[in-house]
Amino acid sequence: MSVIRITRFTADPARAEELAGTHATLVAAVRAASPGPAEARLARLDEHTWMSVWRWDSAEDAEATSAAAASLPEPRAAFALVSDPTAEQGEIVDER
């Protein structure tokens, strides 16, 4: 069953382009070091609030990605640009 993780955070609007570039770099680095994510999206909810949504094909892939990311510099660089991150993860029970 697929797994989704949604991370919500705030960031300085003046760094929006940098944030998007850092997110793309993060996704590429994580994909090179692990089995996922199968999908990754970055959304701006308002001027300061953002949401990153990642989907894996399985819980095992999500766990492997988390383990691999712990040793990479890209997650630290990405999170250095944000404030107040909160994350939720769940199993997708209906995909259409």
N, C-alpha and C. Protein backbone atom coordinates (compact mmCIF):
# COMPACT_ATOMS: atom_id res chain seq x y z
N MET A 1 0.85 -1.18 0.00
CA MET A 1 0.00 0.00 0.00
C MET A 1 0.89 1.24 0.00
N SER A 2 0.51 2.25 -0.75
CA SER A 2 1.28 3.50 -0.82
C SER A 2 1.23 4.26 0.49
N VAL A 3 2.26 5.06 0.69
CA VAL A 3 2.38 5.89 1.88
C VAL A 3 2.59 7.33 1.43
N ILE A 4 1.97 8.27 2.15
CA ILE A 4 2.13 9.68 1.85
C ILE A 4 2.62 10.41 3.10
N ARG A 5 3.52 11.37 2.91
CA ARG A 5 3.97 12.23 4.01
C ARG A 5 3.74 13.67 3.58
N ILE A 6 3.07 14.42 4.43
CA ILE A 6 2.81 15.82 4.18
C ILE A 6 3.57 16.62 5.23
N THR A 7 4.46 17.50 4.77
CA THR A 7 5.21 18.37 5.67
C THR A 7 4.78 19.80 5.39
N ARG A 8 4.30 20.45 6.42
CA ARG A 8 3.83 21.83 6.32
C ARG A 8 4.83 22.71 7.05
N PHE A 9 5.13 23.89 6.49
CA PHE A 9 6.12 24.77 7.09
C PHE A 9 5.91 26.20 6.62
N THR A 10 6.61 27.12 7.25
CA THR A 10 6.60 28.51 6.81
C THR A 10 8.00 28.87 6.32
N ALA A 11 8.04 29.89 5.45
CA ALA A 11 9.31 30.35 4.91
C ALA A 11 9.19 31.82 4.51
N ASP A 12 10.30 32.48 4.47
CA ASP A 12 10.38 33.87 4.06
C ASP A 12 10.00 33.98 2.58
N PRO A 13 9.00 34.80 2.24
CA PRO A 13 8.58 34.93 0.84
C PRO A 13 9.72 35.37 -0.08
N ALA A 14 10.69 36.10 0.43
CA ALA A 14 11.81 36.55 -0.38
C ALA A 14 12.71 35.39 -0.81
N ARG A 15 12.55 34.23 -0.18
CA ARG A 15 13.39 33.07 -0.50
C ARG A 15 12.61 31.99 -1.25
N ALA A 16 11.48 32.34 -1.84
CA ALA A 16 10.62 31.37 -2.51
C ALA A 16 11.36 30.63 -3.64
N GLU A 17 12.07 31.34 -4.47
CA GLU A 17 12.80 30.69 -5.57
C GLU A 17 13.89 29.77 -5.03
N GLU A 18 14.59 30.23 -4.02
CA GLU A 18 15.64 29.40 -3.40
C GLU A 18 15.03 28.15 -2.79
N LEU A 19 13.89 28.31 -2.14
CA LEU A 19 13.21 27.18 -1.53
C LEU A 19 12.81 26.14 -2.58
N ALA A 20 12.26 26.58 -3.68
CA ALA A 20 11.85 25.66 -4.74
C ALA A 20 13.06 24.93 -5.32
N GLY A 21 14.15 25.64 -5.52
CA GLY A 21 15.36 25.00 -6.03
C GLY A 21 15.95 24.01 -5.06
N THR A 22 15.94 24.37 -3.79
CA THR A 22 16.45 23.47 -2.75
C THR A 22 15.58 22.23 -2.64
N HIS A 23 14.27 22.38 -2.78
CA HIS A 23 13.37 21.22 -2.75
C HIS A 23 13.69 20.28 -3.91
N ALA A 24 13.89 20.83 -5.10
CA ALA A 24 14.21 19.99 -6.26
C ALA A 24 15.53 19.25 -6.05
N THR A 25 16.52 19.94 -5.50
CA THR A 25 17.81 19.31 -5.21
C THR A 25 17.65 18.21 -4.17
N LEU A 26 16.84 18.47 -3.15
CA LEU A 26 16.58 17.48 -2.10
C LEU A 26 15.94 16.23 -2.69
N VAL A 27 14.92 16.40 -3.48
CA VAL A 27 14.22 15.25 -4.08
C VAL A 27 15.19 14.43 -4.94
N ALA A 28 15.99 15.09 -5.75
CA ALA A 28 16.94 14.38 -6.61
C ALA A 28 17.96 13.60 -5.79
N ALA A 29 18.47 14.21 -4.73
CA ALA A 29 19.47 13.54 -3.88
C ALA A 29 18.87 12.33 -3.17
N VAL A 30 17.66 12.49 -2.66
CA VAL A 30 17.00 11.39 -1.95
C VAL A 30 16.69 10.26 -2.91
N ARG A 31 16.22 10.58 -4.10
CA ARG A 31 15.93 9.54 -5.09
C ARG A 31 17.20 8.79 -5.50
N ALA A 32 18.32 9.48 -5.56
CA ALA A 32 19.58 8.83 -5.94
C ALA A 32 20.08 7.89 -4.84
N ALA A 33 19.68 8.15 -3.60
CA ALA A 33 20.20 7.38 -2.46
C ALA A 33 19.21 6.36 -1.90
N SER A 34 18.00 6.32 -2.44
CA SER A 34 16.96 5.48 -1.83
C SER A 34 15.92 5.07 -2.88
N PRO A 35 14.92 4.28 -2.46
CA PRO A 35 13.89 3.84 -3.40
C PRO A 35 12.74 4.84 -3.61
N GLY A 36 12.96 6.07 -3.36
CA GLY A 36 11.83 6.97 -3.57
C GLY A 36 12.15 8.39 -3.20
N PRO A 37 11.16 9.20 -3.20
CA PRO A 37 9.73 8.95 -3.34
C PRO A 37 9.31 8.76 -4.80
N ALA A 38 8.18 8.10 -4.98
CA ALA A 38 7.62 7.93 -6.31
C ALA A 38 7.11 9.26 -6.86
N GLU A 39 6.61 10.10 -5.96
CA GLU A 39 6.14 11.44 -6.32
C GLU A 39 6.56 12.41 -5.24
N ALA A 40 6.85 13.64 -5.63
CA ALA A 40 7.14 14.70 -4.67
C ALA A 40 6.59 16.00 -5.23
N ARG A 41 5.87 16.71 -4.41
CA ARG A 41 5.25 17.97 -4.83
C ARG A 41 5.54 19.04 -3.78
N LEU A 42 5.71 20.26 -4.23
CA LEU A 42 5.86 21.41 -3.34
C LEU A 42 4.76 22.39 -3.69
N ALA A 43 4.00 22.79 -2.69
CA ALA A 43 2.88 23.71 -2.92
C ALA A 43 2.99 24.91 -1.98
N ARG A 44 2.65 26.06 -2.51
CA ARG A 44 2.58 27.26 -1.67
C ARG A 44 1.12 27.49 -1.32
N LEU A 45 0.83 27.54 -0.03
CA LEU A 45 -0.54 27.72 0.43
C LEU A 45 -0.91 29.20 0.54
N ASP A 46 0.03 30.01 0.93
CA ASP A 46 -0.11 31.46 0.95
C ASP A 46 1.29 32.05 0.92
N GLU A 47 1.44 33.32 1.13
CA GLU A 47 2.74 33.97 0.99
C GLU A 47 3.82 33.34 1.86
N HIS A 48 3.47 32.87 3.04
CA HIS A 48 4.45 32.34 3.99
C HIS A 48 4.36 30.82 4.19
N THR A 49 3.25 30.21 3.85
CA THR A 49 3.00 28.82 4.21
C THR A 49 3.14 27.90 3.00
N TRP A 50 3.85 26.79 3.23
CA TRP A 50 4.14 25.83 2.16
C TRP A 50 3.79 24.43 2.63
N MET A 51 3.69 23.53 1.66
CA MET A 51 3.43 22.13 1.95
C MET A 51 4.23 21.29 0.95
N SER A 52 4.94 20.31 1.49
CA SER A 52 5.66 19.34 0.66
C SER A 52 4.95 17.99 0.82
N VAL A 53 4.60 17.37 -0.30
CA VAL A 53 3.86 16.11 -0.28
C VAL A 53 4.68 15.07 -1.03
N TRP A 54 5.04 14.01 -0.33
CA TRP A 54 5.81 12.91 -0.92
C TRP A 54 5.01 11.64 -0.82
N ARG A 55 5.08 10.81 -1.91
CA ARG A 55 4.39 9.52 -1.91
C ARG A 55 5.38 8.42 -2.27
N TRP A 56 5.28 7.33 -1.52
CA TRP A 56 6.08 6.14 -1.79
C TRP A 56 5.16 5.00 -2.15
N ASP A 57 5.68 4.00 -2.83
CA ASP A 57 4.90 2.84 -3.22
C ASP A 57 4.65 1.89 -2.06
N SER A 58 5.45 2.01 -0.98
CA SER A 58 5.27 1.13 0.18
C SER A 58 5.84 1.79 1.43
N ALA A 59 5.42 1.29 2.59
CA ALA A 59 5.96 1.77 3.86
C ALA A 59 7.46 1.45 3.95
N GLU A 60 7.86 0.32 3.38
CA GLU A 60 9.27 -0.06 3.40
C GLU A 60 10.11 0.96 2.61
N ASP A 61 9.60 1.42 1.47
CA ASP A 61 10.31 2.43 0.69
C ASP A 61 10.41 3.75 1.47
N ALA A 62 9.35 4.12 2.16
CA ALA A 62 9.37 5.35 2.96
C ALA A 62 10.41 5.24 4.08
N GLU A 63 10.45 4.09 4.74
CA GLU A 63 11.43 3.89 5.82
C GLU A 63 12.85 3.90 5.27
N ALA A 64 13.07 3.26 4.13
CA ALA A 64 14.40 3.25 3.53
C ALA A 64 14.84 4.65 3.12
N THR A 65 13.90 5.44 2.64
CA THR A 65 14.21 6.82 2.26
C THR A 65 14.59 7.63 3.49
N SER A 66 13.84 7.49 4.57
CA SER A 66 14.16 8.21 5.80
C SER A 66 15.54 7.84 6.32
N ALA A 67 15.86 6.56 6.27
CA ALA A 67 17.18 6.11 6.74
C ALA A 67 18.29 6.68 5.87
N ALA A 68 18.10 6.66 4.55
CA ALA A 68 19.12 7.19 3.64
C ALA A 68 19.26 8.71 3.79
N ALA A 69 18.15 9.41 3.96
CA ALA A 69 18.18 10.87 4.06
C ALA A 69 18.93 11.35 5.29
N ALA A 70 18.96 10.54 6.33
CA ALA A 70 19.63 10.94 7.58
C ALA A 70 21.11 11.23 7.37
N SER A 71 21.72 10.63 6.35
CA SER A 71 23.15 10.82 6.12
C SER A 71 23.45 11.83 5.00
N LEU A 72 22.42 12.43 4.43
CA LEU A 72 22.60 13.36 3.31
C LEU A 72 22.63 14.82 3.80
N PRO A 73 23.39 15.69 3.14
CA PRO A 73 23.40 17.11 3.52
C PRO A 73 22.18 17.88 3.00
N GLU A 74 21.53 17.39 1.95
CA GLU A 74 20.43 18.14 1.33
C GLU A 74 19.23 18.36 2.26
N PRO A 75 18.83 17.39 3.08
CA PRO A 75 17.72 17.68 3.99
C PRO A 75 18.03 18.81 4.97
N ARG A 76 19.25 18.85 5.48
CA ARG A 76 19.63 19.93 6.40
C ARG A 76 19.58 21.28 5.69
N ALA A 77 20.05 21.33 4.44
CA ALA A 77 20.02 22.58 3.69
C ALA A 77 18.59 23.03 3.44
N ALA A 78 17.72 22.09 3.12
CA ALA A 78 16.31 22.43 2.87
C ALA A 78 15.64 22.94 4.14
N PHE A 79 15.83 22.23 5.24
CA PHE A 79 15.17 22.62 6.48
C PHE A 79 15.76 23.89 7.08
N ALA A 80 16.96 24.29 6.66
CA ALA A 80 17.54 25.55 7.12
C ALA A 80 16.77 26.75 6.58
N LEU A 81 16.00 26.56 5.51
CA LEU A 81 15.23 27.65 4.91
C LEU A 81 13.83 27.79 5.47
N VAL A 82 13.41 26.86 6.32
CA VAL A 82 12.01 26.85 6.77
C VAL A 82 11.91 27.00 8.28
N SER A 83 10.70 27.34 8.72
CA SER A 83 10.38 27.45 10.15
C SER A 83 9.15 26.61 10.44
N ASP A 84 9.03 26.19 11.65
CA ASP A 84 7.84 25.51 12.16
C ASP A 84 7.39 24.30 11.33
N PRO A 85 8.32 23.42 10.93
CA PRO A 85 7.88 22.26 10.14
C PRO A 85 7.08 21.27 10.99
N THR A 86 6.01 20.76 10.42
CA THR A 86 5.24 19.67 11.02
C THR A 86 4.98 18.65 9.93
N ALA A 87 5.02 17.38 10.30
CA ALA A 87 4.83 16.33 9.29
C ALA A 87 3.83 15.30 9.78
N GLU A 88 3.09 14.78 8.83
CA GLU A 88 2.17 13.67 9.09
C GLU A 88 2.38 12.64 7.99
N GLN A 89 2.27 11.39 8.36
CA GLN A 89 2.44 10.30 7.40
C GLN A 89 1.30 9.32 7.57
N GLY A 90 0.82 8.80 6.45
CA GLY A 90 -0.26 7.82 6.52
C GLY A 90 -0.29 6.91 5.31
N GLU A 91 -0.96 5.82 5.50
CA GLU A 91 -1.14 4.85 4.42
C GLU A 91 -2.32 5.28 3.56
N ILE A 92 -2.14 5.28 2.26
CA ILE A 92 -3.22 5.64 1.35
C ILE A 92 -4.15 4.42 1.23
N VAL A 93 -5.41 4.65 1.52
CA VAL A 93 -6.38 3.54 1.49
C VAL A 93 -7.28 3.58 0.26
N ASP A 94 -7.26 4.69 -0.48
CA ASP A 94 -8.08 4.79 -1.69
C ASP A 94 -7.34 5.66 -2.68
N GLU A 95 -6.96 5.09 -3.82
CA GLU A 95 -6.31 5.83 -4.90
C GLU A 95 -7.17 5.70 -6.14
N ARG A 96 -7.52 6.78 -6.73
CA ARG A 96 -8.33 6.76 -7.95
C ARG A 96 -7.63 7.50 -9.06
